[in-house]
Amino acid sequence: MRDIRLPVVETEICVAKGLKAGDRSLYTVIRVSSLKDEGKIVGSWLTPLAVLIVEPKDQYAISITGERMRLEEIMKLAPSLRAVVEKARGAFHVPIT
């Protein structure tokens, strides 16, 4: 009897490239899943999770279901967002001399 091997699902939370809308920056947070069999990808799918919005004086996330999310919640989902937020905040930073 042959061994039956099931494909492996690998999942990663990613941040899509930002989009500028006036003085706001918008970032889509997505779950990327891939189905692998013997090291080869045999299927994949994307699931949108939230939109991160960075404004000059505020930053927040809205889930795809329309609920406002605390920034800490979205950071837990996608730790790589921290660098995105810091970069976007820096765009609005004006040094005081």
PDB file of N, CA and C in Angstrom:
ATOM      1  N   MET A   1       0.838  -1.176   0.000  1.00  0.00           N
ATOM      2  CA  MET A   1       0.000   0.000   0.000  1.00  0.00           C
ATOM      3  C   MET A   1       0.885   1.241   0.000  1.00  0.00           C
ATOM      4  N   ARG A   2       0.563   2.192  -0.874  1.00  0.00           N
ATOM      5  CA  ARG A   2       1.363   3.414  -0.981  1.00  0.00           C
ATOM      6  C   ARG A   2       1.003   4.398   0.125  1.00  0.00           C
ATOM      7  N   ASP A   3       2.012   5.158   0.540  1.00  0.00           N
ATOM      8  CA  ASP A   3       1.757   6.237   1.492  1.00  0.00           C
ATOM      9  C   ASP A   3       1.022   7.361   0.777  1.00  0.00           C
ATOM     10  N   ILE A   4       0.029   7.890   1.433  1.00  0.00           N
ATOM     11  CA  ILE A   4      -0.703   9.028   0.869  1.00  0.00           C
ATOM     12  C   ILE A   4      -0.193  10.289   1.556  1.00  0.00           C
ATOM     13  N   ARG A   5       0.294  11.208   0.743  1.00  0.00           N
ATOM     14  CA  ARG A   5       0.795  12.477   1.272  1.00  0.00           C
ATOM     15  C   ARG A   5      -0.175  13.582   0.887  1.00  0.00           C
ATOM     16  N   LEU A   6      -0.512  14.384   1.855  1.00  0.00           N
ATOM     17  CA  LEU A   6      -1.406  15.507   1.595  1.00  0.00           C
ATOM     18  C   LEU A   6      -0.585  16.759   1.303  1.00  0.00           C
ATOM     19  N   PRO A   7      -1.073  17.620   0.427  1.00  0.00           N
ATOM     20  CA  PRO A   7      -0.377  18.882   0.179  1.00  0.00           C
ATOM     21  C   PRO A   7      -0.333  19.725   1.454  1.00  0.00           C
ATOM     22  N   VAL A   8       0.636  20.597   1.527  1.00  0.00           N
ATOM     23  CA  VAL A   8       0.834  21.465   2.682  1.00  0.00           C
ATOM     24  C   VAL A   8       0.326  22.865   2.340  1.00  0.00           C
ATOM     25  N   VAL A   9      -0.390  23.481   3.271  1.00  0.00           N
ATOM     26  CA  VAL A   9      -0.844  24.861   3.088  1.00  0.00           C
ATOM     27  C   VAL A   9       0.085  25.772   3.885  1.00  0.00           C
ATOM     28  N   GLU A  10       0.663  26.759   3.208  1.00  0.00           N
ATOM     29  CA  GLU A  10       1.497  27.764   3.866  1.00  0.00           C
ATOM     30  C   GLU A  10       0.776  29.099   3.760  1.00  0.00           C
ATOM     31  N   THR A  11       0.740  29.825   4.874  1.00  0.00           N
ATOM     32  CA  THR A  11       0.024  31.097   4.916  1.00  0.00           C
ATOM     33  C   THR A  11       0.939  32.191   5.441  1.00  0.00           C
ATOM     34  N   GLU A  12       0.799  33.372   4.851  1.00  0.00           N
ATOM     35  CA  GLU A  12       1.604  34.526   5.242  1.00  0.00           C
ATOM     36  C   GLU A  12       0.716  35.765   5.154  1.00  0.00           C
ATOM     37  N   ILE A  13       0.883  36.689   6.093  1.00  0.00           N
ATOM     38  CA  ILE A  13       0.165  37.963   6.052  1.00  0.00           C
ATOM     39  C   ILE A  13       1.102  38.984   5.417  1.00  0.00           C
ATOM     40  N   CYS A  14       0.613  39.672   4.391  1.00  0.00           N
ATOM     41  CA  CYS A  14       1.440  40.626   3.644  1.00  0.00           C
ATOM     42  C   CYS A  14       0.744  41.978   3.547  1.00  0.00           C
ATOM     43  N   VAL A  15       1.552  42.991   3.275  1.00  0.00           N
ATOM     44  CA  VAL A  15       1.046  44.339   3.056  1.00  0.00           C
ATOM     45  C   VAL A  15       1.290  44.690   1.604  1.00  0.00           C
ATOM     46  N   ALA A  16       0.223  45.060   0.902  1.00  0.00           N
ATOM     47  CA  ALA A  16       0.360  45.435  -0.508  1.00  0.00           C
ATOM     48  C   ALA A  16       0.984  46.826  -0.610  1.00  0.00           C
ATOM     49  N   LYS A  17       1.457  47.153  -1.796  1.00  0.00           N
ATOM     50  CA  LYS A  17       2.045  48.463  -2.049  1.00  0.00           C
ATOM     51  C   LYS A  17       1.025  49.548  -1.706  1.00  0.00           C
ATOM     52  N   GLY A  18       1.504  50.637  -1.104  1.00  0.00           N
ATOM     53  CA  GLY A  18       0.629  51.719  -0.675  1.00  0.00           C
ATOM     54  C   GLY A  18       0.050  52.525  -1.825  1.00  0.00           C
ATOM     55  N   LEU A  19      -1.044  53.196  -1.523  1.00  0.00           N
ATOM     56  CA  LEU A  19      -1.726  54.052  -2.490  1.00  0.00           C
ATOM     57  C   LEU A  19      -1.946  55.400  -1.818  1.00  0.00           C
ATOM     58  N   LYS A  20      -1.587  56.490  -2.493  1.00  0.00           N
ATOM     59  CA  LYS A  20      -1.789  57.829  -1.948  1.00  0.00           C
ATOM     60  C   LYS A  20      -3.160  58.334  -2.368  1.00  0.00           C
ATOM     61  N   ALA A  21      -3.896  58.920  -1.434  1.00  0.00           N
ATOM     62  CA  ALA A  21      -5.189  59.547  -1.712  1.00  0.00           C
ATOM     63  C   ALA A  21      -5.190  60.880  -0.970  1.00  0.00           C
ATOM     64  N   GLY A  22      -4.783  61.927  -1.655  1.00  0.00           N
ATOM     65  CA  GLY A  22      -4.636  63.221  -0.997  1.00  0.00           C
ATOM     66  C   GLY A  22      -3.505  63.141   0.005  1.00  0.00           C
ATOM     67  N   ASP A  23      -3.794  63.497   1.258  1.00  0.00           N
ATOM     68  CA  ASP A  23      -2.757  63.413   2.293  1.00  0.00           C
ATOM     69  C   ASP A  23      -2.834  62.103   3.063  1.00  0.00           C
ATOM     70  N   ARG A  24      -3.586  61.145   2.561  1.00  0.00           N
ATOM     71  CA  ARG A  24      -3.692  59.826   3.192  1.00  0.00           C
ATOM     72  C   ARG A  24      -2.887  58.795   2.417  1.00  0.00           C
ATOM     73  N   SER A  25      -2.386  57.813   3.146  1.00  0.00           N
ATOM     74  CA  SER A  25      -1.765  56.640   2.528  1.00  0.00           C
ATOM     75  C   SER A  25      -2.617  55.434   2.904  1.00  0.00           C
ATOM     76  N   LEU A  26      -2.940  54.602   1.912  1.00  0.00           N
ATOM     77  CA  LEU A  26      -3.768  53.415   2.129  1.00  0.00           C
ATOM     78  C   LEU A  26      -2.950  52.168   1.821  1.00  0.00           C
ATOM     79  N   TYR A  27      -3.029  51.177   2.698  1.00  0.00           N
ATOM     80  CA  TYR A  27      -2.307  49.919   2.523  1.00  0.00           C
ATOM     81  C   TYR A  27      -3.284  48.765   2.735  1.00  0.00           C
ATOM     82  N   THR A  28      -3.334  47.842   1.807  1.00  0.00           N
ATOM     83  CA  THR A  28      -4.189  46.668   1.947  1.00  0.00           C
ATOM     84  C   THR A  28      -3.406  45.558   2.637  1.00  0.00           C
ATOM     85  N   VAL A  29      -4.015  44.951   3.630  1.00  0.00           N
ATOM     86  CA  VAL A  29      -3.412  43.827   4.350  1.00  0.00           C
ATOM     87  C   VAL A  29      -4.107  42.563   3.844  1.00  0.00           C
ATOM     88  N   ILE A  30      -3.321  41.614   3.341  1.00  0.00           N
ATOM     89  CA  ILE A  30      -3.889  40.401   2.757  1.00  0.00           C
ATOM     90  C   ILE A  30      -3.242  39.151   3.342  1.00  0.00           C
ATOM     91  N   ARG A  31      -4.016  38.072   3.353  1.00  0.00           N
ATOM     92  CA  ARG A  31      -3.479  36.760   3.723  1.00  0.00           C
ATOM     93  C   ARG A  31      -3.201  36.030   2.413  1.00  0.00           C
ATOM     94  N   VAL A  32      -1.951  35.611   2.239  1.00  0.00           N
ATOM     95  CA  VAL A  32      -1.547  34.879   1.039  1.00  0.00           C
ATOM     96  C   VAL A  32      -1.362  33.423   1.445  1.00  0.00           C
ATOM     97  N   SER A  33      -2.131  32.544   0.838  1.00  0.00           N
ATOM     98  CA  SER A  33      -2.037  31.113   1.138  1.00  0.00           C
ATOM     99  C   SER A  33      -1.620  30.365  -0.116  1.00  0.00           C
ATOM    100  N   SER A  34      -0.750  29.393   0.061  1.00  0.00           N
ATOM    101  CA  SER A  34      -0.343  28.572  -1.084  1.00  0.00           C
ATOM    102  C   SER A  34      -0.407  27.101  -0.692  1.00  0.00           C
ATOM    103  N   LEU A  35      -0.793  26.300  -1.652  1.00  0.00           N
ATOM    104  CA  LEU A  35      -0.900  24.856  -1.486  1.00  0.00           C
ATOM    105  C   LEU A  35       0.306  24.243  -2.180  1.00  0.00           C
ATOM    106  N   LYS A  36       1.146  23.551  -1.422  1.00  0.00           N
ATOM    107  CA  LYS A  36       2.377  22.989  -1.981  1.00  0.00           C
ATOM    108  C   LYS A  36       2.376  21.473  -1.873  1.00  0.00           C
ATOM    109  N   ASP A  37       2.889  20.853  -2.926  1.00  0.00           N
ATOM    110  CA  ASP A  37       3.036  19.403  -2.954  1.00  0.00           C
ATOM    111  C   ASP A  37       4.432  19.095  -3.466  1.00  0.00           C
ATOM    112  N   GLU A  38       5.218  18.442  -2.635  1.00  0.00           N
ATOM    113  CA  GLU A  38       6.602  18.107  -2.969  1.00  0.00           C
ATOM    114  C   GLU A  38       7.388  19.345  -3.392  1.00  0.00           C
ATOM    115  N   GLY A  39       7.163  20.461  -2.670  1.00  0.00           N
ATOM    116  CA  GLY A  39       7.916  21.683  -2.922  1.00  0.00           C
ATOM    117  C   GLY A  39       7.403  22.541  -4.062  1.00  0.00           C
ATOM    118  N   LYS A  40       6.416  22.071  -4.784  1.00  0.00           N
ATOM    119  CA  LYS A  40       5.867  22.836  -5.908  1.00  0.00           C
ATOM    120  C   LYS A  40       4.516  23.423  -5.516  1.00  0.00           C
ATOM    121  N   ILE A  41       4.279  24.659  -5.942  1.00  0.00           N
ATOM    122  CA  ILE A  41       2.994  25.293  -5.671  1.00  0.00           C
ATOM    123  C   ILE A  41       1.963  24.738  -6.641  1.00  0.00           C
ATOM    124  N   VAL A  42       0.884  24.204  -6.089  1.00  0.00           N
ATOM    125  CA  VAL A  42      -0.177  23.637  -6.928  1.00  0.00           C
ATOM    126  C   VAL A  42      -1.458  24.466  -6.847  1.00  0.00           C
ATOM    127  N   GLY A  43      -1.457  25.467  -6.004  1.00  0.00           N
ATOM    128  CA  GLY A  43      -2.607  26.353  -5.895  1.00  0.00           C
ATOM    129  C   GLY A  43      -2.301  27.487  -4.941  1.00  0.00           C
ATOM    130  N   SER A  44      -3.005  28.592  -5.100  1.00  0.00           N
ATOM    131  CA  SER A  44      -2.831  29.711  -4.176  1.00  0.00           C
ATOM    132  C   SER A  44      -4.095  30.557  -4.157  1.00  0.00           C
ATOM    133  N   TRP A  45      -4.257  31.329  -3.093  1.00  0.00           N
ATOM    134  CA  TRP A  45      -5.393  32.229  -2.991  1.00  0.00           C
ATOM    135  C   TRP A  45      -5.038  33.386  -2.065  1.00  0.00           C
ATOM    136  N   LEU A  46      -5.688  34.519  -2.302  1.00  0.00           N
ATOM    137  CA  LEU A  46      -5.493  35.736  -1.520  1.00  0.00           C
ATOM    138  C   LEU A  46      -6.792  36.058  -0.793  1.00  0.00           C
ATOM    139  N   THR A  47      -6.663  36.478   0.458  1.00  0.00           N
ATOM    140  CA  THR A  47      -7.830  36.879   1.231  1.00  0.00           C
ATOM    141  C   THR A  47      -7.574  38.268   1.800  1.00  0.00           C
ATOM    142  N   PRO A  48      -8.327  39.279   1.371  1.00  0.00           N
ATOM    143  CA  PRO A  48      -8.136  40.615   1.950  1.00  0.00           C
ATOM    144  C   PRO A  48      -8.616  40.616   3.398  1.00  0.00           C
ATOM    145  N   LEU A  49      -7.846  41.270   4.274  1.00  0.00           N
ATOM    146  CA  LEU A  49      -8.194  41.306   5.690  1.00  0.00           C
ATOM    147  C   LEU A  49      -8.608  42.694   6.158  1.00  0.00           C
ATOM    148  N   ALA A  50      -7.833  43.709   5.741  1.00  0.00           N
ATOM    149  CA  ALA A  50      -8.080  45.061   6.243  1.00  0.00           C
ATOM    150  C   ALA A  50      -7.395  46.083   5.348  1.00  0.00           C
ATOM    151  N   VAL A  51      -7.756  47.334   5.583  1.00  0.00           N
ATOM    152  CA  VAL A  51      -7.083  48.454   4.932  1.00  0.00           C
ATOM    153  C   VAL A  51      -6.516  49.320   6.044  1.00  0.00           C
ATOM    154  N   LEU A  52      -5.221  49.591   5.977  1.00  0.00           N
ATOM    155  CA  LEU A  52      -4.556  50.473   6.925  1.00  0.00           C
ATOM    156  C   LEU A  52      -4.561  51.868   6.330  1.00  0.00           C
ATOM    157  N   ILE A  53      -4.995  52.854   7.101  1.00  0.00           N
ATOM    158  CA  ILE A  53      -5.068  54.237   6.641  1.00  0.00           C
ATOM    159  C   ILE A  53      -4.165  55.076   7.535  1.00  0.00           C
ATOM    160  N   VAL A  54      -3.214  55.772   6.906  1.00  0.00           N
ATOM    161  CA  VAL A  54      -2.300  56.643   7.638  1.00  0.00           C
ATOM    162  C   VAL A  54      -2.562  58.068   7.174  1.00  0.00           C
ATOM    163  N   GLU A  55      -2.955  58.924   8.123  1.00  0.00           N
ATOM    164  CA  GLU A  55      -3.222  60.337   7.865  1.00  0.00           C
ATOM    165  C   GLU A  55      -2.169  61.166   8.589  1.00  0.00           C
ATOM    166  N   PRO A  56      -2.099  62.467   8.316  1.00  0.00           N
ATOM    167  CA  PRO A  56      -1.089  63.289   8.984  1.00  0.00           C
ATOM    168  C   PRO A  56      -1.136  63.210  10.511  1.00  0.00           C
ATOM    169  N   LYS A  57      -2.331  63.113  11.109  1.00  0.00           N
ATOM    170  CA  LYS A  57      -2.418  63.116  12.572  1.00  0.00           C
ATOM    171  C   LYS A  57      -3.034  61.848  13.151  1.00  0.00           C
ATOM    172  N   ASP A  58      -3.280  60.849  12.324  1.00  0.00           N
ATOM    173  CA  ASP A  58      -3.940  59.641  12.819  1.00  0.00           C
ATOM    174  C   ASP A  58      -3.601  58.459  11.924  1.00  0.00           C
ATOM    175  N   GLN A  59      -3.693  57.275  12.462  1.00  0.00           N
ATOM    176  CA  GLN A  59      -3.570  56.055  11.679  1.00  0.00           C
ATOM    177  C   GLN A  59      -4.504  55.023  12.286  1.00  0.00           C
ATOM    178  N   TYR A  60      -5.174  54.283  11.419  1.00  0.00           N
ATOM    179  CA  TYR A  60      -6.144  53.300  11.876  1.00  0.00           C
ATOM    180  C   TYR A  60      -6.350  52.275  10.777  1.00  0.00           C
ATOM    181  N   ALA A  61      -7.048  51.212  11.122  1.00  0.00           N
ATOM    182  CA  ALA A  61      -7.328  50.152  10.151  1.00  0.00           C
ATOM    183  C   ALA A  61      -8.828  49.899  10.127  1.00  0.00           C
ATOM    184  N   ILE A  62      -9.315  49.511   8.968  1.00  0.00           N
ATOM    185  CA  ILE A  62     -10.714  49.121   8.812  1.00  0.00           C
ATOM    186  C   ILE A  62     -10.715  47.705   8.255  1.00  0.00           C
ATOM    187  N   SER A  63     -11.419  46.811   8.953  1.00  0.00           N
ATOM    188  CA  SER A  63     -11.477  45.432   8.467  1.00  0.00           C
ATOM    189  C   SER A  63     -12.318  45.389   7.196  1.00  0.00           C
ATOM    190  N   ILE A  64     -12.168  44.348   6.430  1.00  0.00           N
ATOM    191  CA  ILE A  64     -12.918  44.205   5.188  1.00  0.00           C
ATOM    192  C   ILE A  64     -14.424  44.135   5.469  1.00  0.00           C
ATOM    193  N   THR A  65     -14.795  43.716   6.669  1.00  0.00           N
ATOM    194  CA  THR A  65     -16.214  43.682   7.025  1.00  0.00           C
ATOM    195  C   THR A  65     -16.739  45.065   7.389  1.00  0.00           C
ATOM    196  N   GLY A  66     -15.857  46.071   7.417  1.00  0.00           N
ATOM    197  CA  GLY A  66     -16.272  47.446   7.684  1.00  0.00           C
ATOM    198  C   GLY A  66     -16.081  47.904   9.112  1.00  0.00           C
ATOM    199  N   GLU A  67     -15.622  47.021   9.976  1.00  0.00           N
ATOM    200  CA  GLU A  67     -15.416  47.385  11.373  1.00  0.00           C
ATOM    201  C   GLU A  67     -14.066  48.075  11.536  1.00  0.00           C
ATOM    202  N   ARG A  68     -14.062  49.128  12.340  1.00  0.00           N
ATOM    203  CA  ARG A  68     -12.804  49.805  12.621  1.00  0.00           C
ATOM    204  C   ARG A  68     -11.980  48.915  13.546  1.00  0.00           C
ATOM    205  N   MET A  69     -10.683  48.807  13.260  1.00  0.00           N
ATOM    206  CA  MET A  69      -9.791  47.964  14.056  1.00  0.00           C
ATOM    207  C   MET A  69      -8.770  48.846  14.751  1.00  0.00           C
ATOM    208  N   ARG A  70      -8.401  48.472  15.947  1.00  0.00           N
ATOM    209  CA  ARG A  70      -7.315  49.181  16.622  1.00  0.00           C
ATOM    210  C   ARG A  70      -6.025  48.841  15.904  1.00  0.00           C
ATOM    211  N   LEU A  71      -5.138  49.806  15.831  1.00  0.00           N
ATOM    212  CA  LEU A  71      -3.873  49.608  15.135  1.00  0.00           C
ATOM    213  C   LEU A  71      -3.091  48.444  15.741  1.00  0.00           C
ATOM    214  N   GLU A  72      -3.205  48.260  17.053  1.00  0.00           N
ATOM    215  CA  GLU A  72      -2.496  47.160  17.713  1.00  0.00           C
ATOM    216  C   GLU A  72      -2.979  45.806  17.193  1.00  0.00           C
ATOM    217  N   GLU A  73      -4.277  45.701  16.903  1.00  0.00           N
ATOM    218  CA  GLU A  73      -4.823  44.443  16.382  1.00  0.00           C
ATOM    219  C   GLU A  73      -4.210  44.097  15.030  1.00  0.00           C
ATOM    220  N   ILE A  74      -4.138  45.093  14.170  1.00  0.00           N
ATOM    221  CA  ILE A  74      -3.606  44.852  12.831  1.00  0.00           C
ATOM    222  C   ILE A  74      -2.105  44.572  12.894  1.00  0.00           C
ATOM    223  N   MET A  75      -1.403  45.189  13.855  1.00  0.00           N
ATOM    224  CA  MET A  75       0.038  44.939  14.005  1.00  0.00           C
ATOM    225  C   MET A  75       0.294  43.492  14.426  1.00  0.00           C
ATOM    226  N   LYS A  76      -0.619  42.920  15.205  1.00  0.00           N
ATOM    227  CA  LYS A  76      -0.476  41.518  15.596  1.00  0.00           C
ATOM    228  C   LYS A  76      -0.643  40.604  14.385  1.00  0.00           C
ATOM    229  N   LEU A  77      -1.568  40.969  13.491  1.00  0.00           N
ATOM    230  CA  LEU A  77      -1.776  40.181  12.276  1.00  0.00           C
ATOM    231  C   LEU A  77      -0.551  40.235  11.370  1.00  0.00           C
ATOM    232  N   ALA A  78      -0.011  41.428  11.224  1.00  0.00           N
ATOM    233  CA  ALA A  78       1.084  41.630  10.263  1.00  0.00           C
ATOM    234  C   ALA A  78       2.159  42.511  10.887  1.00  0.00           C
ATOM    235  N   PRO A  79       3.111  41.909  11.605  1.00  0.00           N
ATOM    236  CA  PRO A  79       4.173  42.698  12.222  1.00  0.00           C
ATOM    237  C   PRO A  79       4.953  43.559  11.224  1.00  0.00           C
ATOM    238  N   SER A  80       4.984  43.164   9.952  1.00  0.00           N
ATOM    239  CA  SER A  80       5.708  43.952   8.951  1.00  0.00           C
ATOM    240  C   SER A  80       5.050  45.316   8.730  1.00  0.00           C
ATOM    241  N   LEU A  81       3.832  45.488   9.215  1.00  0.00           N
ATOM    242  CA  LEU A  81       3.153  46.777   9.084  1.00  0.00           C
ATOM    243  C   LEU A  81       3.842  47.873   9.877  1.00  0.00           C
ATOM    244  N   ARG A  82       4.529  47.502  10.940  1.00  0.00           N
ATOM    245  CA  ARG A  82       5.183  48.512  11.773  1.00  0.00           C
ATOM    246  C   ARG A  82       6.119  49.381  10.940  1.00  0.00           C
ATOM    247  N   ALA A  83       6.908  48.763  10.078  1.00  0.00           N
ATOM    248  CA  ALA A  83       7.822  49.524   9.221  1.00  0.00           C
ATOM    249  C   ALA A  83       7.045  50.399   8.241  1.00  0.00           C
ATOM    250  N   VAL A  84       5.931  49.893   7.731  1.00  0.00           N
ATOM    251  CA  VAL A  84       5.100  50.663   6.795  1.00  0.00           C
ATOM    252  C   VAL A  84       4.541  51.896   7.490  1.00  0.00           C
ATOM    253  N   VAL A  85       4.021  51.715   8.714  1.00  0.00           N
ATOM    254  CA  VAL A  85       3.449  52.837   9.460  1.00  0.00           C
ATOM    255  C   VAL A  85       4.532  53.860   9.781  1.00  0.00           C
ATOM    256  N   GLU A  86       5.681  53.396  10.243  1.00  0.00           N
ATOM    257  CA  GLU A  86       6.767  54.321  10.572  1.00  0.00           C
ATOM    258  C   GLU A  86       7.202  55.115   9.346  1.00  0.00           C
ATOM    259  N   LYS A  87       7.290  54.460   8.211  1.00  0.00           N
ATOM    260  CA  LYS A  87       7.678  55.150   6.976  1.00  0.00           C
ATOM    261  C   LYS A  87       6.621  56.181   6.594  1.00  0.00           C
ATOM    262  N   ALA A  88       5.353  55.795   6.678  1.00  0.00           N
ATOM    263  CA  ALA A  88       4.270  56.723   6.332  1.00  0.00           C
ATOM    264  C   ALA A  88       4.208  57.884   7.315  1.00  0.00           C
ATOM    265  N   ARG A  89       4.417  57.618   8.585  1.00  0.00           N
ATOM    266  CA  ARG A  89       4.434  58.701   9.579  1.00  0.00           C
ATOM    267  C   ARG A  89       5.566  59.669   9.280  1.00  0.00           C
ATOM    268  N   GLY A  90       6.700  59.128   8.877  1.00  0.00           N
ATOM    269  CA  GLY A  90       7.855  59.974   8.562  1.00  0.00           C
ATOM    270  C   GLY A  90       7.563  60.934   7.425  1.00  0.00           C
ATOM    271  N   ALA A  91       6.679  60.552   6.519  1.00  0.00           N
ATOM    272  CA  ALA A  91       6.329  61.423   5.399  1.00  0.00           C
ATOM    273  C   ALA A  91       5.634  62.682   5.894  1.00  0.00           C
ATOM    274  N   PHE A  92       5.001  62.609   7.078  1.00  0.00           N
ATOM    275  CA  PHE A  92       4.286  63.759   7.605  1.00  0.00           C
ATOM    276  C   PHE A  92       5.077  64.477   8.696  1.00  0.00           C
ATOM    277  N   HIS A  93       6.223  63.935   9.052  1.00  0.00           N
ATOM    278  CA  HIS A  93       7.018  64.512  10.133  1.00  0.00           C
ATOM    279  C   HIS A  93       7.684  65.800   9.668  1.00  0.00           C
ATOM    280  N   VAL A  94       7.479  66.856  10.422  1.00  0.00           N
ATOM    281  CA  VAL A  94       8.122  68.136  10.118  1.00  0.00           C
ATOM    282  C   VAL A  94       9.005  68.480  11.300  1.00  0.00           C
ATOM    283  N   PRO A  95      10.324  68.493  11.083  1.00  0.00           N
ATOM    284  CA  PRO A  95      11.218  68.801  12.198  1.00  0.00           C
ATOM    285  C   PRO A  95      11.054  70.253  12.652  1.00  0.00           C
ATOM    286  N   ILE A  96      11.091  70.460  13.949  1.00  0.00           N
ATOM    287  CA  ILE A  96      10.997  71.811  14.508  1.00  0.00           C
ATOM    288  C   ILE A  96      12.397  72.254  14.874  1.00  0.00           C
ATOM    289  N   THR A  97      12.800  73.412  14.346  1.00  0.00           N
ATOM    290  CA  THR A  97      14.159  73.916  14.635  1.00  0.00           C
ATOM    291  C   THR A  97      14.114  75.161  15.460  1.00  0.00           C
TER     292      THR A  97
END
